Amino acid sequence: MEFKGTKGFWRLGVLGSVQNERGEFICESERNKARDEENNANNLLISYAPEMLDQLINIRDWIDKDINVSECRTQIDELIQKATTI
């Protein structure tokens, strides 16, 4: 399986957007002053989608190899923290 979307690092961009490392738009959310905090939280989560996919692949591989899950747990906790902290 190969990810068919935009490759590389994604980040929060300007004006309610998610951009790649070259500043190209991945997506943008509706501009609504009353919902700025919610939109920023949504965009933050979206910006970590490639890393989340990579982590899911790692989890699957660890399960297949019966590797110690505590290392997996630590990496998952770190990713959750990054994706939920504005």
Protein backbone atom coordinates (compact mmCIF):
# COMPACT_ATOMS: atom_id res chain seq x y z
CA MET A 1 0.00 0.00 0.00
CA GLU A 2 1.22 3.43 -0.88
CA PHE A 3 -0.15 6.80 0.21
CA LYS A 4 -1.40 8.59 -2.89
CA GLY A 5 -1.78 12.02 -1.33
CA THR A 6 0.76 14.82 -1.01
CA LYS A 7 4.02 13.36 0.28
CA GLY A 8 6.25 14.92 2.93
CA PHE A 9 5.85 17.01 6.04
CA TRP A 10 2.58 18.91 6.54
CA ARG A 11 2.13 21.90 8.87
CA LEU A 12 -0.41 24.49 9.91
CA GLY A 13 -0.33 27.30 7.40
CA VAL A 14 -1.80 30.75 7.16
CA LEU A 15 -5.46 31.69 6.99
CA GLY A 16 -6.86 28.37 8.19
CA SER A 17 -4.81 26.15 5.93
CA VAL A 18 -2.59 23.10 6.00
CA GLN A 19 0.52 23.37 3.83
CA ASN A 20 3.38 21.13 2.80
CA GLU A 21 7.03 21.96 3.45
CA ARG A 22 7.17 24.04 0.24
CA GLY A 23 4.24 26.21 1.37
CA GLU A 24 1.80 24.63 -1.08
CA PHE A 25 -1.79 24.29 0.15
CA ILE A 26 -2.96 20.80 1.15
CA CYS A 27 -6.37 22.04 2.30
CA GLU A 28 -8.00 25.05 3.88
CA SER A 29 -10.93 25.40 6.22
CA GLU A 30 -13.80 27.81 6.29
CA ARG A 31 -12.90 31.22 7.71
CA ASN A 32 -15.30 31.82 10.58
CA LYS A 33 -14.14 34.02 13.44
CA ALA A 34 -16.54 32.34 15.87
CA ARG A 35 -15.00 28.94 15.06
CA ASP A 36 -11.29 29.87 14.78
CA GLU A 37 -10.22 27.70 17.73
CA GLU A 38 -12.17 24.70 16.42
CA ASN A 39 -10.83 25.21 12.88
CA ASN A 40 -7.26 25.47 14.18
CA ALA A 41 -7.73 22.23 16.12
CA ASN A 42 -9.12 20.51 13.01
CA ASN A 43 -6.25 21.78 10.87
CA LEU A 44 -3.70 20.70 13.46
CA LEU A 45 -5.10 17.17 13.41
CA ILE A 46 -5.12 17.15 9.59
CA SER A 47 -1.50 18.36 9.52
CA TYR A 48 -0.44 15.19 11.37
CA ALA A 49 -2.24 12.80 8.99
CA PRO A 50 0.93 11.61 7.20
CA GLU A 51 2.68 10.95 10.52
CA MET A 52 -0.40 9.12 11.84
CA LEU A 53 -0.46 6.91 8.76
CA ASP A 54 3.24 6.13 9.21
CA GLN A 55 2.61 5.25 12.86
CA LEU A 56 -0.28 2.94 11.94
CA ILE A 57 2.01 1.16 9.49
CA ASN A 58 4.62 0.84 12.26
CA ILE A 59 2.03 -0.60 14.65
CA ARG A 60 0.96 -3.16 12.09
CA ASP A 61 4.60 -4.12 11.50
CA TRP A 62 5.29 -4.37 15.24
CA ILE A 63 2.26 -6.61 15.69
CA ASP A 64 3.43 -8.81 12.81
CA LYS A 65 6.89 -9.09 14.41
CA ASP A 66 5.55 -9.40 17.98
CA ILE A 67 7.77 -6.52 19.14
CA ASN A 68 7.50 -4.98 22.63
CA VAL A 69 4.46 -2.71 22.61
CA SER A 70 5.78 -0.28 25.23
CA GLU A 71 7.97 1.42 22.60
CA CYS A 72 4.94 1.62 20.32
CA ARG A 73 2.84 3.08 23.15
CA THR A 74 5.38 5.84 23.81
CA GLN A 75 5.45 6.89 20.16
CA ILE A 76 1.66 6.84 19.96
CA ASP A 77 1.35 9.00 23.10
CA GLU A 78 3.83 11.52 21.65
CA LEU A 79 1.90 11.72 18.38
CA ILE A 80 -1.42 12.17 20.17
CA GLN A 81 0.10 14.98 22.25
CA LYS A 82 1.41 16.80 19.16
CA ALA A 83 -1.86 16.40 17.26
CA THR A 84 -4.02 17.72 20.10
CA THR A 85 -1.94 20.58 21.52
CA ILE A 86 -2.42 23.96 19.89
